Amino acid sequence: FTASAIWLLLRAEFLAITLVLVYVGA
């Protein structure tokens, strides 16, 4: 979750939501 927040800071929204959905969710 924290890494996805850092991705959001880098304005890479797709990578952030992918990190949450794929890694945390599955």
All heavy atoms as atom14 arrays in JSON, in Angstrom:
{
  "sequence": "FTASAIWLLLRAEFLAITLVLVYVGA",
  "atom14_mask": [
    [1, 1, 1, 1, 1, 1, 1, 1, 1, 1, 1, 0, 0, 0],
    [1, 1, 1, 1, 1, 1, 1, 0, 0, 0, 0, 0, 0, 0],
    [1, 1, 1, 1, 1, 0, 0, 0, 0, 0, 0, 0, 0, 0],
    [1, 1, 1, 1, 1, 1, 0, 0, 0, 0, 0, 0, 0, 0],
    [1, 1, 1, 1, 1, 0, 0, 0, 0, 0, 0, 0, 0, 0],
    [1, 1, 1, 1, 1, 1, 1, 1, 0, 0, 0, 0, 0, 0],
    [1, 1, 1, 1, 1, 1, 1, 1, 1, 1, 1, 1, 1, 1],
    [1, 1, 1, 1, 1, 1, 1, 1, 0, 0, 0, 0, 0, 0],
    [1, 1, 1, 1, 1, 1, 1, 1, 0, 0, 0, 0, 0, 0],
    [1, 1, 1, 1, 1, 1, 1, 1, 0, 0, 0, 0, 0, 0],
    [1, 1, 1, 1, 1, 1, 1, 1, 1, 1, 1, 0, 0, 0],
    [1, 1, 1, 1, 1, 0, 0, 0, 0, 0, 0, 0, 0, 0],
    [1, 1, 1, 1, 1, 1, 1, 1, 1, 0, 0, 0, 0, 0],
    [1, 1, 1, 1, 1, 1, 1, 1, 1, 1, 1, 0, 0, 0],
    [1, 1, 1, 1, 1, 1, 1, 1, 0, 0, 0, 0, 0, 0],
    [1, 1, 1, 1, 1, 0, 0, 0, 0, 0, 0, 0, 0, 0],
    [1, 1, 1, 1, 1, 1, 1, 1, 0, 0, 0, 0, 0, 0],
    [1, 1, 1, 1, 1, 1, 1, 0, 0, 0, 0, 0, 0, 0],
    [1, 1, 1, 1, 1, 1, 1, 1, 0, 0, 0, 0, 0, 0],
    [1, 1, 1, 1, 1, 1, 1, 0, 0, 0, 0, 0, 0, 0],
    [1, 1, 1, 1, 1, 1, 1, 1, 0, 0, 0, 0, 0, 0],
    [1, 1, 1, 1, 1, 1, 1, 0, 0, 0, 0, 0, 0, 0],
    [1, 1, 1, 1, 1, 1, 1, 1, 1, 1, 1, 1, 0, 0],
    [1, 1, 1, 1, 1, 1, 1, 0, 0, 0, 0, 0, 0, 0],
    [1, 1, 1, 1, 0, 0, 0, 0, 0, 0, 0, 0, 0, 0],
    [1, 1, 1, 1, 1, 0, 0, 0, 0, 0, 0, 0, 0, 0]
  ],
  "atom14_positions": [
    [[0.82, -1.2, 0.0], [0.0, 0.0, 0.0], [0.86, 1.26, 0.0], [0.57, 2.23, -0.71], [-0.93, 0.01, 1.22], [-2.26, -0.62, 0.96], [-2.63, -1.77, 1.62], [-3.16, -0.07, 0.07], [-3.85, -2.37, 1.39], [-4.39, -0.65, -0.18], [-4.73, -1.8, 0.49], [0.0, 0.0, 0.0], [0.0, 0.0, 0.0], [0.0, 0.0, 0.0]],
    [[1.92, 1.25, 0.79], [2.78, 2.42, 0.85], [3.52, 2.63, -0.47], [3.68, 3.76, -0.92], [3.8, 2.27, 2.0], [3.09, 1.89, 3.17], [4.52, 3.56, 2.27], [0.0, 0.0, 0.0], [0.0, 0.0, 0.0], [0.0, 0.0, 0.0], [0.0, 0.0, 0.0], [0.0, 0.0, 0.0], [0.0, 0.0, 0.0], [0.0, 0.0, 0.0]],
    [[3.95, 1.54, -1.1], [4.6, 1.66, -2.41], [3.64, 2.21, -3.46], [4.03, 3.01, -4.32], [5.15, 0.31, -2.85], [0.0, 0.0, 0.0], [0.0, 0.0, 0.0], [0.0, 0.0, 0.0], [0.0, 0.0, 0.0], [0.0, 0.0, 0.0], [0.0, 0.0, 0.0], [0.0, 0.0, 0.0], [0.0, 0.0, 0.0], [0.0, 0.0, 0.0]],
    [[2.37, 1.81, -3.38], [1.39, 2.36, -4.33], [1.16, 3.84, -4.07], [0.94, 4.61, -5.02], [0.08, 1.59, -4.25], [-0.56, 1.83, -3.01], [0.0, 0.0, 0.0], [0.0, 0.0, 0.0], [0.0, 0.0, 0.0], [0.0, 0.0, 0.0], [0.0, 0.0, 0.0], [0.0, 0.0, 0.0], [0.0, 0.0, 0.0], [0.0, 0.0, 0.0]],
    [[1.24, 4.27, -2.8], [1.13, 5.71, -2.52], [2.32, 6.47, -3.12], [2.15, 7.59, -3.64], [1.06, 5.94, -1.01], [0.0, 0.0, 0.0], [0.0, 0.0, 0.0], [0.0, 0.0, 0.0], [0.0, 0.0, 0.0], [0.0, 0.0, 0.0], [0.0, 0.0, 0.0], [0.0, 0.0, 0.0], [0.0, 0.0, 0.0], [0.0, 0.0, 0.0]],
    [[3.49, 5.89, -3.08], [4.66, 6.53, -3.69], [4.5, 6.58, -5.21], [4.86, 7.57, -5.85], [5.95, 5.8, -3.27], [6.18, 6.01, -1.77], [7.15, 6.3, -4.06], [7.35, 5.25, -1.22], [0.0, 0.0, 0.0], [0.0, 0.0, 0.0], [0.0, 0.0, 0.0], [0.0, 0.0, 0.0], [0.0, 0.0, 0.0], [0.0, 0.0, 0.0]],
    [[3.92, 5.54, -5.8], [3.63, 5.59, -7.23], [2.67, 6.72, -7.55], [2.79, 7.39, -8.59], [3.04, 4.26, -7.71], [4.04, 3.18, -7.97], [4.17, 2.02, -7.28], [5.05, 3.15, -8.97], [5.2, 1.26, -7.79], [5.76, 1.95, -8.84], [5.43, 4.04, -9.98], [6.8, 1.59, -9.66], [6.48, 3.69, -10.81], [7.15, 2.49, -10.64]],
    [[1.69, 6.94, -6.69], [0.75, 8.05, -6.9], [1.47, 9.39, -6.84], [1.14, 10.32, -7.59], [-0.37, 8.01, -5.87], [-1.47, 6.99, -6.1], [-2.43, 6.98, -4.93], [-2.21, 7.3, -7.39], [0.0, 0.0, 0.0], [0.0, 0.0, 0.0], [0.0, 0.0, 0.0], [0.0, 0.0, 0.0], [0.0, 0.0, 0.0], [0.0, 0.0, 0.0]],
    [[2.44, 9.51, -5.93], [3.21, 10.75, -5.87], [3.98, 10.99, -7.17], [4.21, 12.14, -7.56], [4.2, 10.71, -4.7], [3.61, 10.96, -3.32], [4.7, 10.8, -2.26], [3.01, 12.35, -3.23], [0.0, 0.0, 0.0], [0.0, 0.0, 0.0], [0.0, 0.0, 0.0], [0.0, 0.0, 0.0], [0.0, 0.0, 0.0], [0.0, 0.0, 0.0]],
    [[4.39, 9.9, -7.82], [5.11, 10.02, -9.09], [4.17, 10.17, -10.29], [4.62, 10.13, -11.43], [6.01, 8.79, -9.3], [7.15, 8.63, -8.3], [7.84, 7.3, -8.49], [8.13, 9.77, -8.46], [0.0, 0.0, 0.0], [0.0, 0.0, 0.0], [0.0, 0.0, 0.0], [0.0, 0.0, 0.0], [0.0, 0.0, 0.0], [0.0, 0.0, 0.0]],
    [[2.87, 10.3, -10.0], [1.82, 10.47, -11.02], [1.74, 9.26, -11.96], [1.49, 9.41, -13.15], [2.05, 11.76, -11.81], [1.84, 13.0, -10.97], [2.29, 14.25, -11.68], [2.08, 15.42, -10.84], [2.9, 15.79, -9.86], [3.95, 15.05, -9.58], [2.66, 16.87, -9.15], [0.0, 0.0, 0.0], [0.0, 0.0, 0.0], [0.0, 0.0, 0.0]],
    [[1.97, 8.09, -11.41], [1.79, 6.84, -12.16], [0.6, 6.12, -11.56], [0.72, 5.14, -10.83], [3.06, 6.0, -12.08], [0.0, 0.0, 0.0], [0.0, 0.0, 0.0], [0.0, 0.0, 0.0], [0.0, 0.0, 0.0], [0.0, 0.0, 0.0], [0.0, 0.0, 0.0], [0.0, 0.0, 0.0], [0.0, 0.0, 0.0], [0.0, 0.0, 0.0]],
    [[-0.59, 6.64, -11.88], [-1.82, 6.14, -11.24], [-2.11, 4.7, -11.61], [-2.58, 3.92, -10.79], [-3.01, 7.03, -11.64], [-2.9, 8.46, -11.19], [-2.13, 9.33, -12.17], [-1.8, 8.83, -13.27], [-1.86, 10.49, -11.83], [0.0, 0.0, 0.0], [0.0, 0.0, 0.0], [0.0, 0.0, 0.0], [0.0, 0.0, 0.0], [0.0, 0.0, 0.0]],
    [[-1.84, 4.34, -12.86], [-2.13, 2.97, -13.29], [-1.28, 1.95, -12.53], [-1.78, 0.92, -12.09], [-1.89, 2.84, -14.8], [-2.09, 1.45, -15.32], [-3.37, 0.94, -15.46], [-1.01, 0.65, -15.66], [-3.56, -0.35, -15.93], [-1.2, -0.63, -16.13], [-2.47, -1.13, -16.26], [0.0, 0.0, 0.0], [0.0, 0.0, 0.0], [0.0, 0.0, 0.0]],
    [[0.01, 2.25, -12.36], [0.87, 1.33, -11.61], [0.44, 1.24, -10.15], [0.51, 0.17, -9.54], [2.32, 1.79, -11.71], [2.98, 1.62, -13.08], [4.38, 2.19, -13.06], [3.0, 0.16, -13.48], [0.0, 0.0, 0.0], [0.0, 0.0, 0.0], [0.0, 0.0, 0.0], [0.0, 0.0, 0.0], [0.0, 0.0, 0.0], [0.0, 0.0, 0.0]],
    [[-0.01, 2.36, -9.58], [-0.44, 2.35, -8.18], [-1.66, 1.47, -7.99], [-1.7, 0.63, -7.09], [-0.72, 3.78, -7.72], [0.0, 0.0, 0.0], [0.0, 0.0, 0.0], [0.0, 0.0, 0.0], [0.0, 0.0, 0.0], [0.0, 0.0, 0.0], [0.0, 0.0, 0.0], [0.0, 0.0, 0.0], [0.0, 0.0, 0.0], [0.0, 0.0, 0.0]],
    [[-2.67, 1.63, -8.84], [-3.89, 0.82, -8.67], [-3.63, -0.63, -9.04], [-4.21, -1.56, -8.46], [-5.06, 1.42, -9.49], [-6.39, 0.83, -9.02], [-4.89, 1.19, -10.96], [-6.77, 1.21, -7.63], [0.0, 0.0, 0.0], [0.0, 0.0, 0.0], [0.0, 0.0, 0.0], [0.0, 0.0, 0.0], [0.0, 0.0, 0.0], [0.0, 0.0, 0.0]],
    [[-2.7, -0.88, -9.99], [-2.34, -2.26, -10.32], [-1.65, -2.94, -9.15], [-1.9, -4.11, -8.86], [-1.44, -2.29, -11.56], [-2.12, -1.65, -12.63], [-1.09, -3.7, -11.95], [0.0, 0.0, 0.0], [0.0, 0.0, 0.0], [0.0, 0.0, 0.0], [0.0, 0.0, 0.0], [0.0, 0.0, 0.0], [0.0, 0.0, 0.0], [0.0, 0.0, 0.0]],
    [[-0.78, -2.2, -8.47], [-0.08, -2.76, -7.31], [-1.08, -3.15, -6.22], [-0.96, -4.21, -5.6], [0.92, -1.74, -6.78], [1.87, -2.21, -5.69], [2.78, -3.3, -6.22], [2.7, -1.06, -5.18], [0.0, 0.0, 0.0], [0.0, 0.0, 0.0], [0.0, 0.0, 0.0], [0.0, 0.0, 0.0], [0.0, 0.0, 0.0], [0.0, 0.0, 0.0]],
    [[-2.09, -2.31, -6.01], [-3.09, -2.62, -4.98], [-3.96, -3.78, -5.41], [-4.18, -4.74, -4.65], [-3.94, -1.37, -4.67], [-5.12, -1.73, -3.78], [-3.1, -0.31, -4.0], [0.0, 0.0, 0.0], [0.0, 0.0, 0.0], [0.0, 0.0, 0.0], [0.0, 0.0, 0.0], [0.0, 0.0, 0.0], [0.0, 0.0, 0.0], [0.0, 0.0, 0.0]],
    [[-4.46, -3.75, -6.65], [-5.4, -4.79, -7.09], [-4.72, -6.14, -7.25], [-5.25, -7.16, -6.79], [-6.05, -4.38, -8.41], [-7.04, -3.23, -8.34], [-7.58, -2.92, -9.72], [-8.19, -3.57, -7.41], [0.0, 0.0, 0.0], [0.0, 0.0, 0.0], [0.0, 0.0, 0.0], [0.0, 0.0, 0.0], [0.0, 0.0, 0.0], [0.0, 0.0, 0.0]],
    [[-3.56, -6.16, -7.9], [-2.93, -7.45, -8.2], [-2.25, -8.03, -6.97], [-2.51, -9.16, -6.57], [-1.94, -7.3, -9.37], [-1.16, -8.59, -9.57], [-2.68, -6.92, -10.63], [0.0, 0.0, 0.0], [0.0, 0.0, 0.0], [0.0, 0.0, 0.0], [0.0, 0.0, 0.0], [0.0, 0.0, 0.0], [0.0, 0.0, 0.0], [0.0, 0.0, 0.0]],
    [[-1.37, -7.24, -6.34], [-0.58, -7.8, -5.25], [-1.37, -7.9, -3.95], [-1.37, -8.95, -3.31], [0.69, -6.97, -5.04], [1.72, -7.26, -6.08], [1.88, -6.43, -7.18], [2.53, -8.38, -5.98], [2.82, -6.71, -8.15], [3.47, -8.67, -6.95], [3.61, -7.82, -8.02], [4.53, -8.1, -8.97], [0.0, 0.0, 0.0], [0.0, 0.0, 0.0]],
    [[-2.05, -6.84, -3.56], [-2.81, -6.9, -2.3], [-4.07, -7.72, -2.49], [-4.42, -8.55, -1.65], [-3.13, -5.48, -1.81], [-3.98, -5.53, -0.55], [-1.85, -4.71, -1.54], [0.0, 0.0, 0.0], [0.0, 0.0, 0.0], [0.0, 0.0, 0.0], [0.0, 0.0, 0.0], [0.0, 0.0, 0.0], [0.0, 0.0, 0.0], [0.0, 0.0, 0.0]],
    [[-4.76, -7.52, -3.61], [-6.03, -8.2, -3.8], [-5.93, -9.65, -4.14], [-6.81, -10.44, -3.81], [0.0, 0.0, 0.0], [0.0, 0.0, 0.0], [0.0, 0.0, 0.0], [0.0, 0.0, 0.0], [0.0, 0.0, 0.0], [0.0, 0.0, 0.0], [0.0, 0.0, 0.0], [0.0, 0.0, 0.0], [0.0, 0.0, 0.0], [0.0, 0.0, 0.0]],
    [[-4.87, -10.07, -4.82], [-4.8, -11.46, -5.27], [-3.62, -12.2, -4.67], [-3.8, -13.24, -4.01], [-4.7, -11.48, -6.8], [0.0, 0.0, 0.0], [0.0, 0.0, 0.0], [0.0, 0.0, 0.0], [0.0, 0.0, 0.0], [0.0, 0.0, 0.0], [0.0, 0.0, 0.0], [0.0, 0.0, 0.0], [0.0, 0.0, 0.0], [0.0, 0.0, 0.0]]
  ]
}
